[in-house]
Amino acid sequence: MMHPTRAAVIAAGLLISTSALAQQPGYFIPPAGGGGGPAGGAGQVRPAPQPQRPPPRPQPVVRREPPPPVVDPRGASAGAAQPEAPPVQVQLPPMRDLPSIPRGPTPPAAVIGVLGIPDIMRSATAAQQVEKTIADRREKLKQDADKEAAVWRELQVALAGQRGTMTPDQIRAKEKELQDRVTNAQRGFRDRNRFMQEAAQVGLAQIERTLIAVIRQVAESRGMNLVMHRSQVALNINEFDITEPVVAQLNKVLPTVELPADGVSAAVAASQVPAPSGTAPPDAPPAPTQVVAPPGPPPPRR
């Protein structure tokens, strides 16, 4: 007679082996307590018969028609590229006969020169003067704006400390006074910045006007009848380049330019320029020889 403990161990081993085999494909577990095999013994495992699959049937070929395009209400088909419409053939009226013109003179052979405008502006002393003057005025404007902003902050702090000793009317009057000062100062800074830009335009206009005349003068002195920008030419030789002669002549005839005074508009400065001889009326006072700037706004009080 088998001991109960030993029988339990054997049964557990059989369960483990059968569960492991059950996970393998092609095997099956016969039902307990009955013959599943030829000898009818329990626990025997045999390969499961492979089912016979019928041969695949040929699938019929079905031709699918493309779905009709979705017509957009605006007239275009969504999701489909529309073919371009053929060009419209327009019947033009018959062309008129061109009248004959007399033969004109043949232009001379081109004698070409090239120059570099950026190099000329960098080397021109008048352009350097304009650049330095505008830079100095811009820095001065920045310093004045910083000083005025510091004064505004001081006045605001002082007003905040005096609120307890003033009446509401006095507080409103002080606030309005401070606001008026800020508004006037900002307007003055904007005007000075605009005058500065106008001064730069006046200086560059003088340089441009003289530069055109100098280019023509230098080109004629070398027999050139066509001058092009260097950036438009892919290849040239040094003998074609007239940049250096133009710079030398420009610095000779226009070493400096006349600029409106700081804080003066170009229109006011132009009205103070002396008129050419013979154009002033007889009873007009003599025009000043120099551009005098009108007095600017008083400096801010601290």
C-alpha atoms as a PDB file:
ATOM      1  CA  MET A   1       0.000   0.000   0.000  1.00  0.00           C
ATOM      2  CA  MET A   2       1.432   3.410  -1.059  1.00  0.00           C
ATOM      3  CA  HIS A   3       1.953   5.976   1.605  1.00  0.00           C
ATOM      4  CA  PRO A   4      -0.467   8.973   1.320  1.00  0.00           C
ATOM      5  CA  THR A   5       2.287  11.568   1.271  1.00  0.00           C
ATOM      6  CA  ARG A   6       4.124   9.795  -1.511  1.00  0.00           C
ATOM      7  CA  ALA A   7       0.937   9.504  -3.526  1.00  0.00           C
ATOM      8  CA  ALA A   8       0.340  13.257  -3.201  1.00  0.00           C
ATOM      9  CA  VAL A   9       3.862  14.009  -4.478  1.00  0.00           C
ATOM     10  CA  ILE A  10       3.385  11.771  -7.510  1.00  0.00           C
ATOM     11  CA  ALA A  11       0.030  13.362  -8.314  1.00  0.00           C
ATOM     12  CA  ALA A  12       1.538  16.856  -8.124  1.00  0.00           C
ATOM     13  CA  GLY A  13       4.308  15.764 -10.474  1.00  0.00           C
ATOM     14  CA  LEU A  14       1.800  14.466 -12.967  1.00  0.00           C
ATOM     15  CA  LEU A  15      -0.118  17.733 -12.874  1.00  0.00           C
ATOM     16  CA  ILE A  16       3.015  19.754 -13.495  1.00  0.00           C
ATOM     17  CA  SER A  17       4.105  17.549 -16.409  1.00  0.00           C
ATOM     18  CA  THR A  18       0.688  17.626 -18.033  1.00  0.00           C
ATOM     19  CA  SER A  19       0.357  21.399 -17.712  1.00  0.00           C
ATOM     20  CA  ALA A  20       3.783  21.851 -19.292  1.00  0.00           C
ATOM     21  CA  LEU A  21       2.868  19.580 -22.165  1.00  0.00           C
ATOM     22  CA  ALA A  22      -0.422  21.357 -22.606  1.00  0.00           C
ATOM     23  CA  GLN A  23       1.483  24.533 -23.445  1.00  0.00           C
ATOM     24  CA  GLN A  24       3.303  22.823 -26.324  1.00  0.00           C
ATOM     25  CA  PRO A  25       1.546  22.887 -29.710  1.00  0.00           C
ATOM     26  CA  GLY A  26       0.406  19.612 -31.182  1.00  0.00           C
ATOM     27  CA  TYR A  27      -0.401  17.812 -27.902  1.00  0.00           C
ATOM     28  CA  PHE A  28      -3.581  17.283 -25.945  1.00  0.00           C
ATOM     29  CA  ILE A  29      -4.431  15.954 -22.463  1.00  0.00           C
ATOM     30  CA  PRO A  30      -6.861  13.032 -22.321  1.00  0.00           C
ATOM     31  CA  PRO A  31      -9.724  13.316 -19.863  1.00  0.00           C
ATOM     32  CA  ALA A  32      -9.071  11.949 -16.374  1.00  0.00           C
ATOM     33  CA  GLY A  33     -10.340   8.503 -15.379  1.00  0.00           C
ATOM     34  CA  GLY A  34     -10.780   7.130 -18.874  1.00  0.00           C
ATOM     35  CA  GLY A  35      -8.846   5.771 -21.732  1.00  0.00           C
ATOM     36  CA  GLY A  36      -7.756   8.274 -24.237  1.00  0.00           C
ATOM     37  CA  GLY A  37      -5.158   6.076 -25.794  1.00  0.00           C
ATOM     38  CA  PRO A  38      -4.999   2.618 -27.199  1.00  0.00           C
ATOM     39  CA  ALA A  39      -4.368   0.988 -23.804  1.00  0.00           C
ATOM     40  CA  GLY A  40      -6.858   3.209 -21.990  1.00  0.00           C
ATOM     41  CA  GLY A  41      -4.248   4.214 -19.420  1.00  0.00           C
ATOM     42  CA  ALA A  42      -4.583   7.580 -17.667  1.00  0.00           C
ATOM     43  CA  GLY A  43      -1.831  10.115 -18.034  1.00  0.00           C
ATOM     44  CA  GLN A  44      -0.671   9.052 -21.493  1.00  0.00           C
ATOM     45  CA  VAL A  45       0.004  11.890 -23.912  1.00  0.00           C
ATOM     46  CA  ARG A  46      -0.095  11.558 -27.656  1.00  0.00           C
ATOM     47  CA  PRO A  47       0.176  14.052 -30.484  1.00  0.00           C
ATOM     48  CA  ALA A  48      -3.072  15.611 -31.521  1.00  0.00           C
ATOM     49  CA  PRO A  49      -4.127  14.889 -35.054  1.00  0.00           C
ATOM     50  CA  GLN A  50      -3.605  17.867 -37.348  1.00  0.00           C
ATOM     51  CA  PRO A  51      -6.887  18.925 -38.929  1.00  0.00           C
ATOM     52  CA  GLN A  52      -7.078  18.757 -42.679  1.00  0.00           C
ATOM     53  CA  ARG A  53      -7.511  22.238 -44.096  1.00  0.00           C
ATOM     54  CA  PRO A  54      -9.318  22.560 -47.380  1.00  0.00           C
ATOM     55  CA  PRO A  55      -7.343  24.099 -50.214  1.00  0.00           C
ATOM     56  CA  PRO A  56      -7.800  27.859 -50.517  1.00  0.00           C
ATOM     57  CA  ARG A  57     -10.482  28.892 -52.904  1.00  0.00           C
ATOM     58  CA  PRO A  58      -9.562  31.348 -55.604  1.00  0.00           C
ATOM     59  CA  GLN A  59     -10.817  34.787 -54.740  1.00  0.00           C
ATOM     60  CA  PRO A  60     -12.821  36.508 -57.407  1.00  0.00           C
ATOM     61  CA  VAL A  61     -11.220  39.600 -58.864  1.00  0.00           C
ATOM     62  CA  VAL A  62     -13.361  42.604 -58.095  1.00  0.00           C
ATOM     63  CA  ARG A  63     -12.651  45.848 -59.907  1.00  0.00           C
ATOM     64  CA  ARG A  64     -13.322  48.791 -57.668  1.00  0.00           C
ATOM     65  CA  GLU A  65     -14.368  51.995 -59.290  1.00  0.00           C
ATOM     66  CA  PRO A  66     -12.895  55.175 -57.796  1.00  0.00           C
ATOM     67  CA  PRO A  67     -15.367  57.101 -55.701  1.00  0.00           C
ATOM     68  CA  PRO A  68     -16.838  60.169 -57.295  1.00  0.00           C
ATOM     69  CA  PRO A  69     -15.037  63.382 -56.345  1.00  0.00           C
ATOM     70  CA  VAL A  70     -16.588  65.560 -53.710  1.00  0.00           C
ATOM     71  CA  VAL A  71     -17.582  68.828 -55.268  1.00  0.00           C
ATOM     72  CA  ASP A  72     -16.700  71.892 -53.274  1.00  0.00           C
ATOM     73  CA  PRO A  73     -19.445  74.581 -53.144  1.00  0.00           C
ATOM     74  CA  ARG A  74     -16.883  77.085 -54.343  1.00  0.00           C
ATOM     75  CA  GLY A  75     -16.488  75.149 -57.565  1.00  0.00           C
ATOM     76  CA  ALA A  76     -13.314  73.080 -56.881  1.00  0.00           C
ATOM     77  CA  SER A  77     -13.282  69.329 -56.227  1.00  0.00           C
ATOM     78  CA  ALA A  78     -11.944  68.525 -52.762  1.00  0.00           C
ATOM     79  CA  GLY A  79      -9.185  65.926 -52.586  1.00  0.00           C
ATOM     80  CA  ALA A  80      -8.589  65.778 -56.364  1.00  0.00           C
ATOM     81  CA  ALA A  81      -6.316  67.889 -58.510  1.00  0.00           C
ATOM     82  CA  GLN A  82      -8.261  69.710 -61.162  1.00  0.00           C
ATOM     83  CA  PRO A  83      -6.784  69.808 -64.660  1.00  0.00           C
ATOM     84  CA  GLU A  84      -5.757  73.223 -65.813  1.00  0.00           C
ATOM     85  CA  ALA A  85      -8.183  74.858 -68.140  1.00  0.00           C
ATOM     86  CA  PRO A  86      -6.871  75.408 -71.659  1.00  0.00           C
ATOM     87  CA  PRO A  87      -5.795  78.950 -72.377  1.00  0.00           C
ATOM     88  CA  VAL A  88      -8.430  81.144 -73.857  1.00  0.00           C
ATOM     89  CA  GLN A  89      -7.745  82.015 -77.443  1.00  0.00           C
ATOM     90  CA  VAL A  90      -8.356  85.725 -77.850  1.00  0.00           C
ATOM     91  CA  GLN A  91      -8.694  87.114 -81.304  1.00  0.00           C
ATOM     92  CA  LEU A  92      -6.556  90.233 -81.437  1.00  0.00           C
ATOM     93  CA  PRO A  93      -7.169  93.024 -83.873  1.00  0.00           C
ATOM     94  CA  PRO A  94      -4.718  93.287 -86.731  1.00  0.00           C
ATOM     95  CA  MET A  95      -1.475  95.013 -85.863  1.00  0.00           C
ATOM     96  CA  ARG A  96      -0.990  98.451 -87.243  1.00  0.00           C
ATOM     97  CA  ASP A  97       1.816  99.149 -89.654  1.00  0.00           C
ATOM     98  CA  LEU A  98       4.723 100.905 -88.001  1.00  0.00           C
ATOM     99  CA  PRO A  99       5.705 104.127 -89.722  1.00  0.00           C
ATOM    100  CA  SER A 100       9.284 104.379 -90.850  1.00  0.00           C
ATOM    101  CA  ILE A 101      11.639 106.628 -88.913  1.00  0.00           C
ATOM    102  CA  PRO A 102      14.790 108.296 -90.164  1.00  0.00           C
ATOM    103  CA  ARG A 103      18.080 106.659 -89.335  1.00  0.00           C
ATOM    104  CA  GLY A 104      19.665 108.085 -86.207  1.00  0.00           C
ATOM    105  CA  PRO A 105      23.286 108.504 -85.309  1.00  0.00           C
ATOM    106  CA  THR A 106      25.148 105.394 -84.224  1.00  0.00           C
ATOM    107  CA  PRO A 107      26.222 105.559 -80.565  1.00  0.00           C
ATOM    108  CA  PRO A 108      29.916 105.477 -79.911  1.00  0.00           C
ATOM    109  CA  ALA A 109      31.715 102.420 -78.692  1.00  0.00           C
ATOM    110  CA  ALA A 110      31.245 101.845 -74.988  1.00  0.00           C
ATOM    111  CA  VAL A 111      34.163 102.805 -72.739  1.00  0.00           C
ATOM    112  CA  ILE A 112      33.231 101.301 -69.400  1.00  0.00           C
ATOM    113  CA  GLY A 113      34.224 102.272 -65.892  1.00  0.00           C
ATOM    114  CA  VAL A 114      33.251 100.761 -62.557  1.00  0.00           C
ATOM    115  CA  LEU A 115      33.196 102.097 -59.010  1.00  0.00           C
ATOM    116  CA  GLY A 116      32.182 101.028 -55.513  1.00  0.00           C
ATOM    117  CA  ILE A 117      29.750 103.388 -53.809  1.00  0.00           C
ATOM    118  CA  PRO A 118      30.144 101.780 -50.321  1.00  0.00           C
ATOM    119  CA  ASP A 119      33.914 102.277 -50.490  1.00  0.00           C
ATOM    120  CA  ILE A 120      33.430 105.900 -51.540  1.00  0.00           C
ATOM    121  CA  MET A 121      31.082 106.631 -48.636  1.00  0.00           C
ATOM    122  CA  ARG A 122      33.442 105.012 -46.146  1.00  0.00           C
ATOM    123  CA  SER A 123      36.406 107.036 -47.403  1.00  0.00           C
ATOM    124  CA  ALA A 124      34.664 110.372 -47.948  1.00  0.00           C
ATOM    125  CA  THR A 125      35.553 112.861 -45.221  1.00  0.00           C
ATOM    126  CA  ALA A 126      32.155 114.550 -45.516  1.00  0.00           C
ATOM    127  CA  ALA A 127      30.374 111.255 -44.874  1.00  0.00           C
ATOM    128  CA  GLN A 128      32.622 110.620 -41.881  1.00  0.00           C
ATOM    129  CA  GLN A 129      31.720 114.065 -40.549  1.00  0.00           C
ATOM    130  CA  VAL A 130      28.003 113.372 -40.853  1.00  0.00           C
ATOM    131  CA  GLU A 131      28.342 110.021 -39.128  1.00  0.00           C
ATOM    132  CA  LYS A 132      30.355 111.436 -36.226  1.00  0.00           C
ATOM    133  CA  THR A 133      28.089 114.433 -35.768  1.00  0.00           C
ATOM    134  CA  ILE A 134      24.929 112.349 -35.688  1.00  0.00           C
ATOM    135  CA  ALA A 135      26.525 109.881 -33.270  1.00  0.00           C
ATOM    136  CA  ASP A 136      27.527 112.703 -30.899  1.00  0.00           C
ATOM    137  CA  ARG A 137      24.032 114.213 -31.003  1.00  0.00           C
ATOM    138  CA  ARG A 138      22.456 110.823 -30.380  1.00  0.00           C
ATOM    139  CA  GLU A 139      24.649 110.275 -27.332  1.00  0.00           C
ATOM    140  CA  LYS A 140      23.872 113.734 -25.991  1.00  0.00           C
ATOM    141  CA  LEU A 141      20.152 113.131 -26.452  1.00  0.00           C
ATOM    142  CA  LYS A 142      20.425 109.880 -24.525  1.00  0.00           C
ATOM    143  CA  GLN A 143      22.269 111.573 -21.673  1.00  0.00           C
ATOM    144  CA  ASP A 144      19.697 114.369 -21.449  1.00  0.00           C
ATOM    145  CA  ALA A 145      16.861 111.854 -21.444  1.00  0.00           C
ATOM    146  CA  ASP A 146      18.505 109.865 -18.641  1.00  0.00           C
ATOM    147  CA  LYS A 147      18.992 113.010 -16.549  1.00  0.00           C
ATOM    148  CA  GLU A 148      15.396 114.089 -17.032  1.00  0.00           C
ATOM    149  CA  ALA A 149      14.132 110.622 -16.097  1.00  0.00           C
ATOM    150  CA  ALA A 150      16.168 110.782 -12.883  1.00  0.00           C
ATOM    151  CA  VAL A 151      14.536 114.131 -12.059  1.00  0.00           C
ATOM    152  CA  TRP A 152      11.084 112.617 -12.609  1.00  0.00           C
ATOM    153  CA  ARG A 153      11.843 109.847 -10.154  1.00  0.00           C
ATOM    154  CA  GLU A 154      13.068 112.326  -7.540  1.00  0.00           C
ATOM    155  CA  LEU A 155       9.943 114.450  -7.908  1.00  0.00           C
ATOM    156  CA  GLN A 156       7.721 111.395  -7.591  1.00  0.00           C
ATOM    157  CA  VAL A 157       9.473 110.315  -4.395  1.00  0.00           C
ATOM    158  CA  ALA A 158       9.212 113.827  -2.945  1.00  0.00           C
ATOM    159  CA  LEU A 159       5.519 114.033  -3.832  1.00  0.00           C
ATOM    160  CA  ALA A 160       4.850 110.681  -2.181  1.00  0.00           C
ATOM    161  CA  GLY A 161       6.484 111.925   1.024  1.00  0.00           C
ATOM    162  CA  GLN A 162       4.496 115.179   1.062  1.00  0.00           C
ATOM    163  CA  ARG A 163       1.038 113.687   0.557  1.00  0.00           C
ATOM    164  CA  GLY A 164       0.346 113.604   4.267  1.00  0.00           C
ATOM    165  CA  THR A 165       0.921 117.362   4.650  1.00  0.00           C
ATOM    166  CA  MET A 166      -1.019 118.565   1.565  1.00  0.00           C
ATOM    167  CA  THR A 167      -4.674 118.932   0.739  1.00  0.00           C
ATOM    168  CA  PRO A 168      -6.235 116.938  -2.100  1.00  0.00           C
ATOM    169  CA  ASP A 169      -6.240 120.032  -4.324  1.00  0.00           C
ATOM    170  CA  GLN A 170      -2.548 120.611  -3.682  1.00  0.00           C
ATOM    171  CA  ILE A 171      -1.789 116.956  -4.467  1.00  0.00           C
ATOM    172  CA  ARG A 172      -3.698 117.153  -7.741  1.00  0.00           C
ATOM    173  CA  ALA A 173      -1.887 120.367  -8.663  1.00  0.00           C
ATOM    174  CA  LYS A 174       1.523 118.786  -7.991  1.00  0.00           C
ATOM    175  CA  GLU A 175       0.622 115.693  -9.965  1.00  0.00           C
ATOM    176  CA  LYS A 176      -0.549 117.799 -12.904  1.00  0.00           C
ATOM    177  CA  GLU A 177       2.644 119.838 -12.771  1.00  0.00           C
ATOM    178  CA  LEU A 178       4.734 116.677 -12.860  1.00  0.00           C
ATOM    179  CA  GLN A 179       2.661 115.218 -15.680  1.00  0.00           C
ATOM    180  CA  ASP A 180       2.984 118.398 -17.735  1.00  0.00           C
ATOM    181  CA  ARG A 181       6.724 118.354 -17.262  1.00  0.00           C
ATOM    182  CA  VAL A 182       6.951 114.756 -18.403  1.00  0.00           C
ATOM    183  CA  THR A 183       4.761 115.433 -21.449  1.00  0.00           C
ATOM    184  CA  ASN A 184       6.735 118.522 -22.509  1.00  0.00           C
ATOM    185  CA  ALA A 185      10.067 116.788 -22.035  1.00  0.00           C
ATOM    186  CA  GLN A 186       9.008 113.782 -24.078  1.00  0.00           C
ATOM    187  CA  ARG A 187       7.767 116.051 -26.847  1.00  0.00           C
ATOM    188  CA  GLY A 188      11.079 117.879 -26.823  1.00  0.00           C
ATOM    189  CA  PHE A 189      13.062 114.628 -27.026  1.00  0.00           C
ATOM    190  CA  ARG A 190      10.970 113.444 -29.950  1.00  0.00           C
ATOM    191  CA  ASP A 191      11.531 116.721 -31.776  1.00  0.00           C
ATOM    192  CA  ARG A 192      15.269 116.562 -31.184  1.00  0.00           C
ATOM    193  CA  ASN A 193      15.389 113.012 -32.515  1.00  0.00           C
ATOM    194  CA  ARG A 194      13.456 114.075 -35.621  1.00  0.00           C
ATOM    195  CA  PHE A 195      15.727 117.067 -36.150  1.00  0.00           C
ATOM    196  CA  MET A 196      18.720 114.760 -35.878  1.00  0.00           C
ATOM    197  CA  GLN A 197      17.376 112.496 -38.620  1.00  0.00           C
ATOM    198  CA  GLU A 198      16.673 115.514 -40.806  1.00  0.00           C
ATOM    199  CA  ALA A 199      20.241 116.736 -40.320  1.00  0.00           C
ATOM    200  CA  ALA A 200      21.600 113.377 -41.472  1.00  0.00           C
ATOM    201  CA  GLN A 201      19.412 113.526 -44.600  1.00  0.00           C
ATOM    202  CA  VAL A 202      20.580 117.067 -45.361  1.00  0.00           C
ATOM    203  CA  GLY A 203      24.223 116.020 -45.111  1.00  0.00           C
ATOM    204  CA  LEU A 204      23.818 112.903 -47.234  1.00  0.00           C
ATOM    205  CA  ALA A 205      21.872 114.844 -49.869  1.00  0.00           C
ATOM    206  CA  GLN A 206      24.785 117.266 -50.243  1.00  0.00           C
ATOM    207  CA  ILE A 207      27.223 114.361 -50.616  1.00  0.00           C
ATOM    208  CA  GLU A 208      25.045 112.616 -53.187  1.00  0.00           C
ATOM    209  CA  ARG A 209      24.587 115.756 -55.257  1.00  0.00           C
ATOM    210  CA  THR A 210      28.318 116.430 -55.385  1.00  0.00           C
ATOM    211  CA  LEU A 211      29.202 112.770 -55.919  1.00  0.00           C
ATOM    212  CA  ILE A 212      27.142 112.581 -59.118  1.00  0.00           C
ATOM    213  CA  ALA A 213      28.972 115.584 -60.534  1.00  0.00           C
ATOM    214  CA  VAL A 214      32.365 114.202 -59.492  1.00  0.00           C
ATOM    215  CA  ILE A 215      31.688 110.808 -61.107  1.00  0.00           C
ATOM    216  CA  ARG A 216      30.784 112.521 -64.368  1.00  0.00           C
ATOM    217  CA  GLN A 217      33.886 114.691 -64.148  1.00  0.00           C
ATOM    218  CA  VAL A 218      36.259 111.783 -63.491  1.00  0.00           C
ATOM    219  CA  ALA A 219      34.654 109.618 -66.176  1.00  0.00           C
ATOM    220  CA  GLU A 220      34.931 112.341 -68.821  1.00  0.00           C
ATOM    221  CA  SER A 221      38.560 112.920 -67.914  1.00  0.00           C
ATOM    222  CA  ARG A 222      39.251 109.275 -68.808  1.00  0.00           C
ATOM    223  CA  GLY A 223      37.044 109.129 -71.892  1.00  0.00           C
ATOM    224  CA  MET A 224      34.472 106.853 -70.245  1.00  0.00           C
ATOM    225  CA  ASN A 225      30.895 107.033 -71.386  1.00  0.00           C
ATOM    226  CA  LEU A 226      29.412 104.225 -69.260  1.00  0.00           C
ATOM    227  CA  VAL A 227      29.971 103.828 -65.497  1.00  0.00           C
ATOM    228  CA  MET A 228      28.543 100.849 -63.606  1.00  0.00           C
ATOM    229  CA  HIS A 229      28.429  99.774 -60.010  1.00  0.00           C
ATOM    230  CA  ARG A 230      31.156  97.329 -59.100  1.00  0.00           C
ATOM    231  CA  SER A 231      28.612  94.955 -57.534  1.00  0.00           C
ATOM    232  CA  GLN A 232      26.932  94.554 -60.947  1.00  0.00           C
ATOM    233  CA  VAL A 233      30.101  93.413 -62.692  1.00  0.00           C
ATOM    234  CA  ALA A 234      31.342  89.835 -62.396  1.00  0.00           C
ATOM    235  CA  LEU A 235      34.853  90.514 -63.719  1.00  0.00           C
ATOM    236  CA  ASN A 236      36.869  93.610 -64.503  1.00  0.00           C
ATOM    237  CA  ILE A 237      40.435  94.807 -64.500  1.00  0.00           C
ATOM    238  CA  ASN A 238      41.889  97.485 -62.237  1.00  0.00           C
ATOM    239  CA  GLU A 239      42.148  99.986 -65.067  1.00  0.00           C
ATOM    240  CA  PHE A 240      38.357 100.133 -65.259  1.00  0.00           C
ATOM    241  CA  ASP A 241      37.930 101.023 -61.560  1.00  0.00           C
ATOM    242  CA  ILE A 242      37.663 104.757 -60.809  1.00  0.00           C
ATOM    243  CA  THR A 243      36.767 104.490 -57.117  1.00  0.00           C
ATOM    244  CA  GLU A 244      40.000 106.006 -55.796  1.00  0.00           C
ATOM    245  CA  PRO A 245      40.053 108.971 -58.207  1.00  0.00           C
ATOM    246  CA  VAL A 246      36.421 109.725 -57.335  1.00  0.00           C
ATOM    247  CA  VAL A 247      37.198 109.648 -53.593  1.00  0.00           C
ATOM    248  CA  ALA A 248      40.171 111.952 -54.039  1.00  0.00           C
ATOM    249  CA  GLN A 249      38.188 114.469 -56.066  1.00  0.00           C
ATOM    250  CA  LEU A 250      35.185 114.301 -53.712  1.00  0.00           C
ATOM    251  CA  ASN A 251      37.323 114.989 -50.657  1.00  0.00           C
ATOM    252  CA  LYS A 252      38.931 117.866 -52.501  1.00  0.00           C
ATOM    253  CA  VAL A 253      35.731 119.645 -53.555  1.00  0.00           C
ATOM    254  CA  LEU A 254      33.578 118.677 -50.547  1.00  0.00           C
ATOM    255  CA  PRO A 255      35.664 118.038 -47.429  1.00  0.00           C
ATOM    256  CA  THR A 256      32.742 118.908 -45.132  1.00  0.00           C
ATOM    257  CA  VAL A 257      29.032 119.608 -45.345  1.00  0.00           C
ATOM    258  CA  GLU A 258      26.755 122.128 -43.656  1.00  0.00           C
ATOM    259  CA  LEU A 259      24.407 120.597 -41.111  1.00  0.00           C
ATOM    260  CA  PRO A 260      21.575 122.220 -39.168  1.00  0.00           C
ATOM    261  CA  ALA A 261      22.442 123.003 -35.579  1.00  0.00           C
ATOM    262  CA  ASP A 262      21.531 120.521 -32.891  1.00  0.00           C
ATOM    263  CA  GLY A 263      17.883 120.871 -31.941  1.00  0.00           C
ATOM    264  CA  VAL A 264      16.989 122.882 -35.079  1.00  0.00           C
ATOM    265  CA  SER A 265      14.774 121.554 -37.819  1.00  0.00           C
ATOM    266  CA  ALA A 266      16.019 121.448 -41.393  1.00  0.00           C
ATOM    267  CA  ALA A 267      13.231 123.795 -42.503  1.00  0.00           C
ATOM    268  CA  VAL A 268      14.257 126.498 -40.004  1.00  0.00           C
ATOM    269  CA  ALA A 269      17.905 126.086 -40.947  1.00  0.00           C
ATOM    270  CA  ALA A 270      17.111 126.383 -44.662  1.00  0.00           C
ATOM    271  CA  SER A 271      15.166 129.583 -44.075  1.00  0.00           C
ATOM    272  CA  GLN A 272      18.229 131.132 -42.440  1.00  0.00           C
ATOM    273  CA  VAL A 273      20.616 130.307 -45.292  1.00  0.00           C
ATOM    274  CA  PRO A 274      21.625 133.486 -47.187  1.00  0.00           C
ATOM    275  CA  ALA A 275      19.825 133.836 -50.519  1.00  0.00           C
ATOM    276  CA  PRO A 276      21.897 133.865 -53.731  1.00  0.00           C
ATOM    277  CA  SER A 277      23.032 137.239 -54.980  1.00  0.00           C
ATOM    278  CA  GLY A 278      20.494 139.107 -57.085  1.00  0.00           C
ATOM    279  CA  THR A 279      17.455 137.284 -55.711  1.00  0.00           C
ATOM    280  CA  ALA A 280      16.869 139.209 -52.445  1.00  0.00           C
ATOM    281  CA  PRO A 281      14.410 142.117 -52.627  1.00  0.00           C
ATOM    282  CA  PRO A 282      15.940 145.602 -52.281  1.00  0.00           C
ATOM    283  CA  ASP A 283      14.313 146.378 -48.953  1.00  0.00           C
ATOM    284  CA  ALA A 284      15.155 142.997 -47.394  1.00  0.00           C
ATOM    285  CA  PRO A 285      17.636 142.994 -44.494  1.00  0.00           C
ATOM    286  CA  PRO A 286      21.044 141.469 -45.169  1.00  0.00           C
ATOM    287  CA  ALA A 287      20.967 137.708 -44.728  1.00  0.00           C
ATOM    288  CA  PRO A 288      23.206 136.252 -42.032  1.00  0.00           C
ATOM    289  CA  THR A 289      26.434 134.668 -43.199  1.00  0.00           C
ATOM    290  CA  GLN A 290      26.182 131.763 -40.793  1.00  0.00           C
ATOM    291  CA  VAL A 291      23.385 129.472 -39.714  1.00  0.00           C
ATOM    292  CA  VAL A 292      22.440 130.552 -36.214  1.00  0.00           C
ATOM    293  CA  ALA A 293      20.412 128.148 -34.163  1.00  0.00           C
ATOM    294  CA  PRO A 294      17.421 129.637 -32.361  1.00  0.00           C
ATOM    295  CA  PRO A 295      17.400 129.282 -28.602  1.00  0.00           C
ATOM    296  CA  GLY A 296      16.307 125.813 -27.598  1.00  0.00           C
ATOM    297  CA  PRO A 297      13.949 124.900 -24.775  1.00  0.00           C
ATOM    298  CA  PRO A 298      15.132 125.901 -21.305  1.00  0.00           C
ATOM    299  CA  PRO A 299      16.902 123.164 -19.359  1.00  0.00           C
ATOM    300  CA  PRO A 300      14.719 121.239 -16.906  1.00  0.00           C
ATOM    301  CA  ARG A 301      14.636 122.537 -13.374  1.00  0.00           C
ATOM    302  CA  ARG A 302      15.687 120.221 -10.614  1.00  0.00           C
END
